[in-house]
Amino acid sequence: MSLSETATQAPQPANVLLEVNDLRVTFATPDGDVTAVNDLNFTLRAGETLGIVGESGSGKAHTACALMGRLATNGRIGGSATFNGREILNLPERELNT
């Protein structure tokens, strides 16, 4: 295939499964709000594997809990997360399970 043929082909579908934009997780405490995750962005496509690594206390577990709707009652979520094109942040538990 020549370079010109490659340049004119239509782009392939992205097959985005999970897209997270500007995820923020905060917790209300007696001393004020504590930010656990600040402006996290990533995209996960079909067939990809994503590893989230970091020091203890860097927000890995809070990220996962926020995406699964499992934050503590004093937790608040900002930003957006779509799974198969559907917004999942702040969905009721019964809808997350479908």
N, C-alpha and C. Protein backbone atom coordinates (compact mmCIF):
# COMPACT_ATOMS: atom_id res chain seq x y z
N MET A 1 0.85 -1.16 0.00
CA MET A 1 0.00 0.00 0.00
C MET A 1 0.90 1.23 0.00
N SER A 2 0.58 2.19 -0.82
CA SER A 2 1.39 3.40 -0.89
C SER A 2 0.99 4.37 0.21
N LEU A 3 1.84 5.36 0.43
CA LEU A 3 1.58 6.36 1.45
C LEU A 3 0.31 7.13 1.13
N SER A 4 0.07 7.44 -0.14
CA SER A 4 -1.13 8.21 -0.50
C SER A 4 -2.40 7.39 -0.24
N GLU A 5 -2.34 6.07 -0.45
CA GLU A 5 -3.51 5.24 -0.16
C GLU A 5 -3.80 5.21 1.34
N THR A 6 -2.77 5.15 2.13
CA THR A 6 -2.95 5.13 3.58
C THR A 6 -3.56 6.44 4.06
N ALA A 7 -3.11 7.54 3.51
CA ALA A 7 -3.59 8.84 3.95
C ALA A 7 -5.05 9.08 3.62
N THR A 8 -5.60 8.42 2.60
CA THR A 8 -6.97 8.67 2.20
C THR A 8 -7.96 7.70 2.83
N GLN A 9 -7.49 6.68 3.53
CA GLN A 9 -8.41 5.74 4.15
C GLN A 9 -9.12 6.39 5.33
N ALA A 10 -10.36 5.99 5.52
CA ALA A 10 -11.12 6.51 6.66
C ALA A 10 -10.55 5.93 7.95
N PRO A 11 -10.55 6.70 9.02
CA PRO A 11 -10.04 6.18 10.29
C PRO A 11 -10.92 5.04 10.79
N GLN A 12 -10.29 4.09 11.47
CA GLN A 12 -11.01 2.96 12.04
C GLN A 12 -11.76 3.41 13.30
N PRO A 13 -12.87 2.75 13.61
CA PRO A 13 -13.58 3.11 14.85
C PRO A 13 -12.66 2.93 16.05
N ALA A 14 -12.82 3.77 17.02
CA ALA A 14 -11.93 3.76 18.18
C ALA A 14 -12.23 2.62 19.14
N ASN A 15 -13.44 2.07 19.13
CA ASN A 15 -13.83 1.00 20.06
C ASN A 15 -13.54 1.39 21.51
N VAL A 16 -13.88 2.60 21.87
CA VAL A 16 -13.65 3.07 23.23
C VAL A 16 -14.65 2.39 24.17
N LEU A 17 -14.12 1.70 25.18
CA LEU A 17 -14.97 1.07 26.18
C LEU A 17 -15.18 1.98 27.38
N LEU A 18 -14.10 2.56 27.88
CA LEU A 18 -14.17 3.41 29.06
C LEU A 18 -13.38 4.68 28.80
N GLU A 19 -14.04 5.80 28.99
CA GLU A 19 -13.36 7.09 28.83
C GLU A 19 -13.62 7.93 30.07
N VAL A 20 -12.55 8.35 30.71
CA VAL A 20 -12.63 9.14 31.94
C VAL A 20 -12.04 10.51 31.66
N ASN A 21 -12.80 11.55 31.97
CA ASN A 21 -12.36 12.93 31.72
C ASN A 21 -12.50 13.76 32.99
N ASP A 22 -11.39 14.35 33.40
CA ASP A 22 -11.37 15.29 34.53
C ASP A 22 -11.99 14.71 35.80
N LEU A 23 -11.73 13.43 36.08
CA LEU A 23 -12.28 12.80 37.28
C LEU A 23 -11.70 13.46 38.52
N ARG A 24 -12.59 13.87 39.41
CA ARG A 24 -12.21 14.45 40.69
C ARG A 24 -12.97 13.71 41.79
N VAL A 25 -12.26 13.32 42.81
CA VAL A 25 -12.88 12.67 43.96
C VAL A 25 -12.47 13.46 45.20
N THR A 26 -13.45 13.94 45.94
CA THR A 26 -13.18 14.67 47.17
C THR A 26 -14.00 14.06 48.30
N PHE A 27 -13.51 14.26 49.51
CA PHE A 27 -14.20 13.78 50.69
C PHE A 27 -14.39 14.93 51.66
N ALA A 28 -15.62 15.07 52.17
CA ALA A 28 -15.91 16.08 53.17
C ALA A 28 -15.44 15.57 54.53
N THR A 29 -14.66 16.37 55.22
CA THR A 29 -14.18 16.02 56.56
C THR A 29 -14.50 17.19 57.50
N PRO A 30 -14.42 16.97 58.80
CA PRO A 30 -14.65 18.08 59.73
C PRO A 30 -13.69 19.25 59.52
N ASP A 31 -12.53 18.97 58.97
CA ASP A 31 -11.54 20.03 58.72
C ASP A 31 -11.61 20.62 57.31
N GLY A 32 -12.62 20.23 56.54
CA GLY A 32 -12.76 20.72 55.17
C GLY A 32 -12.62 19.60 54.16
N ASP A 33 -12.76 19.93 52.90
CA ASP A 33 -12.68 18.94 51.83
C ASP A 33 -11.25 18.47 51.62
N VAL A 34 -11.13 17.17 51.35
CA VAL A 34 -9.84 16.56 51.02
C VAL A 34 -9.95 16.00 49.61
N THR A 35 -9.02 16.37 48.74
CA THR A 35 -9.02 15.88 47.36
C THR A 35 -8.21 14.59 47.29
N ALA A 36 -8.86 13.53 46.81
CA ALA A 36 -8.18 12.23 46.67
C ALA A 36 -7.72 12.00 45.23
N VAL A 37 -8.50 12.48 44.27
CA VAL A 37 -8.16 12.34 42.84
C VAL A 37 -8.45 13.69 42.21
N ASN A 38 -7.52 14.19 41.39
CA ASN A 38 -7.68 15.51 40.81
C ASN A 38 -7.42 15.48 39.31
N ASP A 39 -8.47 15.66 38.52
CA ASP A 39 -8.38 15.80 37.06
C ASP A 39 -7.69 14.62 36.38
N LEU A 40 -8.16 13.42 36.65
CA LEU A 40 -7.64 12.21 36.01
C LEU A 40 -8.32 12.00 34.66
N ASN A 41 -7.53 11.67 33.64
CA ASN A 41 -8.03 11.43 32.29
C ASN A 41 -7.40 10.16 31.74
N PHE A 42 -8.22 9.29 31.15
CA PHE A 42 -7.69 8.15 30.40
C PHE A 42 -8.78 7.58 29.51
N THR A 43 -8.34 6.84 28.49
CA THR A 43 -9.24 6.15 27.57
C THR A 43 -8.79 4.71 27.47
N LEU A 44 -9.74 3.79 27.57
CA LEU A 44 -9.46 2.37 27.46
C LEU A 44 -10.28 1.82 26.30
N ARG A 45 -9.59 1.21 25.33
CA ARG A 45 -10.25 0.68 24.13
C ARG A 45 -10.34 -0.84 24.22
N ALA A 46 -11.19 -1.41 23.40
CA ALA A 46 -11.35 -2.86 23.34
C ALA A 46 -10.01 -3.52 23.12
N GLY A 47 -9.70 -4.55 23.90
CA GLY A 47 -8.46 -5.28 23.76
C GLY A 47 -7.29 -4.70 24.52
N GLU A 48 -7.45 -3.52 25.11
CA GLU A 48 -6.37 -2.90 25.87
C GLU A 48 -6.45 -3.29 27.34
N THR A 49 -5.31 -3.22 27.99
CA THR A 49 -5.23 -3.42 29.43
C THR A 49 -4.63 -2.16 30.04
N LEU A 50 -5.20 -1.71 31.12
CA LEU A 50 -4.71 -0.50 31.79
C LEU A 50 -4.29 -0.86 33.20
N GLY A 51 -3.08 -0.48 33.55
CA GLY A 51 -2.61 -0.64 34.92
C GLY A 51 -2.50 0.72 35.57
N ILE A 52 -3.07 0.85 36.74
CA ILE A 52 -2.98 2.10 37.49
C ILE A 52 -2.04 1.84 38.66
N VAL A 53 -0.92 2.53 38.67
CA VAL A 53 0.09 2.33 39.71
C VAL A 53 0.39 3.66 40.39
N GLY A 54 0.88 3.57 41.60
CA GLY A 54 1.25 4.77 42.33
C GLY A 54 1.53 4.44 43.78
N GLU A 55 2.03 5.42 44.47
CA GLU A 55 2.35 5.26 45.88
C GLU A 55 1.08 5.04 46.69
N SER A 56 1.25 4.51 47.87
CA SER A 56 0.15 4.36 48.80
C SER A 56 -0.48 5.73 49.05
N GLY A 57 -1.81 5.79 48.95
CA GLY A 57 -2.50 7.05 49.17
C GLY A 57 -2.59 7.95 47.97
N SER A 58 -2.23 7.45 46.78
CA SER A 58 -2.23 8.31 45.59
C SER A 58 -3.57 8.35 44.86
N GLY A 59 -4.57 7.58 45.32
CA GLY A 59 -5.91 7.67 44.73
C GLY A 59 -6.32 6.51 43.85
N LYS A 60 -5.54 5.45 43.79
CA LYS A 60 -5.88 4.30 42.93
C LYS A 60 -7.22 3.67 43.33
N ALA A 61 -7.35 3.35 44.60
CA ALA A 61 -8.58 2.70 45.07
C ALA A 61 -9.77 3.65 44.97
N HIS A 62 -9.57 4.93 45.27
CA HIS A 62 -10.68 5.89 45.17
C HIS A 62 -11.12 6.06 43.72
N THR A 63 -10.20 5.96 42.80
CA THR A 63 -10.56 6.01 41.37
C THR A 63 -11.47 4.84 41.03
N ALA A 64 -11.05 3.64 41.40
CA ALA A 64 -11.85 2.45 41.11
C ALA A 64 -13.21 2.52 41.80
N CYS A 65 -13.23 2.91 43.05
CA CYS A 65 -14.50 3.00 43.78
C CYS A 65 -15.44 4.03 43.15
N ALA A 66 -14.89 5.16 42.72
CA ALA A 66 -15.72 6.19 42.08
C ALA A 66 -16.35 5.65 40.80
N LEU A 67 -15.57 4.93 40.00
CA LEU A 67 -16.08 4.40 38.73
C LEU A 67 -17.12 3.31 38.95
N MET A 68 -17.05 2.62 40.09
CA MET A 68 -18.01 1.55 40.39
C MET A 68 -19.16 2.03 41.27
N GLY A 69 -19.18 3.32 41.61
CA GLY A 69 -20.25 3.84 42.44
C GLY A 69 -20.17 3.37 43.88
N ARG A 70 -18.97 3.14 44.39
CA ARG A 70 -18.79 2.57 45.72
C ARG A 70 -18.04 3.49 46.68
N LEU A 71 -18.16 4.80 46.51
CA LEU A 71 -17.48 5.72 47.42
C LEU A 71 -18.20 5.77 48.77
N ALA A 72 -17.46 6.15 49.79
CA ALA A 72 -18.06 6.39 51.10
C ALA A 72 -19.09 7.52 50.98
N THR A 73 -20.00 7.59 51.94
CA THR A 73 -21.09 8.57 51.86
C THR A 73 -20.60 10.01 51.86
N ASN A 74 -19.41 10.27 52.39
CA ASN A 74 -18.89 11.64 52.38
C ASN A 74 -18.08 11.95 51.12
N GLY A 75 -18.05 11.02 50.16
CA GLY A 75 -17.32 11.22 48.92
C GLY A 75 -18.15 11.92 47.86
N ARG A 76 -17.49 12.75 47.09
CA ARG A 76 -18.14 13.45 45.96
C ARG A 76 -17.30 13.24 44.71
N ILE A 77 -17.99 13.12 43.58
CA ILE A 77 -17.34 12.85 42.30
C ILE A 77 -17.61 14.00 41.35
N GLY A 78 -16.58 14.39 40.59
CA GLY A 78 -16.74 15.37 39.53
C GLY A 78 -16.12 14.83 38.25
N GLY A 79 -16.40 15.48 37.15
CA GLY A 79 -15.89 15.04 35.86
C GLY A 79 -16.88 14.12 35.18
N SER A 80 -16.39 13.31 34.25
CA SER A 80 -17.27 12.38 33.55
C SER A 80 -16.55 11.07 33.29
N ALA A 81 -17.35 10.02 33.19
CA ALA A 81 -16.84 8.70 32.84
C ALA A 81 -17.92 8.00 32.03
N THR A 82 -17.55 7.56 30.83
CA THR A 82 -18.51 6.84 30.00
C THR A 82 -18.02 5.43 29.75
N PHE A 83 -18.95 4.49 29.83
CA PHE A 83 -18.68 3.08 29.54
C PHE A 83 -19.57 2.71 28.37
N ASN A 84 -18.97 2.28 27.26
CA ASN A 84 -19.72 2.00 26.03
C ASN A 84 -20.61 3.18 25.64
N GLY A 85 -20.10 4.39 25.83
CA GLY A 85 -20.82 5.58 25.43
C GLY A 85 -21.85 6.08 26.41
N ARG A 86 -22.02 5.40 27.54
CA ARG A 86 -23.03 5.79 28.53
C ARG A 86 -22.36 6.35 29.78
N GLU A 87 -22.81 7.52 30.20
CA GLU A 87 -22.27 8.15 31.41
C GLU A 87 -22.56 7.25 32.61
N ILE A 88 -21.53 6.97 33.42
CA ILE A 88 -21.72 6.06 34.55
C ILE A 88 -21.53 6.71 35.92
N LEU A 89 -20.96 7.88 35.98
CA LEU A 89 -20.78 8.51 37.29
C LEU A 89 -22.14 8.90 37.86
N ASN A 90 -22.32 8.61 39.11
CA ASN A 90 -23.55 8.96 39.84
C ASN A 90 -24.79 8.21 39.38
N LEU A 91 -24.62 7.10 38.67
CA LEU A 91 -25.78 6.27 38.34
C LEU A 91 -26.25 5.54 39.59
N PRO A 92 -27.55 5.31 39.71
CA PRO A 92 -28.03 4.47 40.81
C PRO A 92 -27.45 3.06 40.69
N GLU A 93 -27.25 2.40 41.83
CA GLU A 93 -26.62 1.08 41.85
C GLU A 93 -27.32 0.09 40.94
N ARG A 94 -28.65 0.11 40.91
CA ARG A 94 -29.37 -0.86 40.07
C ARG A 94 -29.05 -0.68 38.59
N GLU A 95 -28.76 0.56 38.16
CA GLU A 95 -28.40 0.79 36.76
C GLU A 95 -26.96 0.42 36.47
N LEU A 96 -26.08 0.56 37.46
CA LEU A 96 -24.69 0.15 37.27
C LEU A 96 -24.58 -1.36 37.07
N ASN A 97 -25.48 -2.10 37.66
CA ASN A 97 -25.44 -3.56 37.57
C ASN A 97 -26.02 -4.11 36.28
N THR A 98 -26.57 -3.25 35.42
CA THR A 98 -27.17 -3.75 34.17
C THR A 98 -26.20 -3.65 33.02
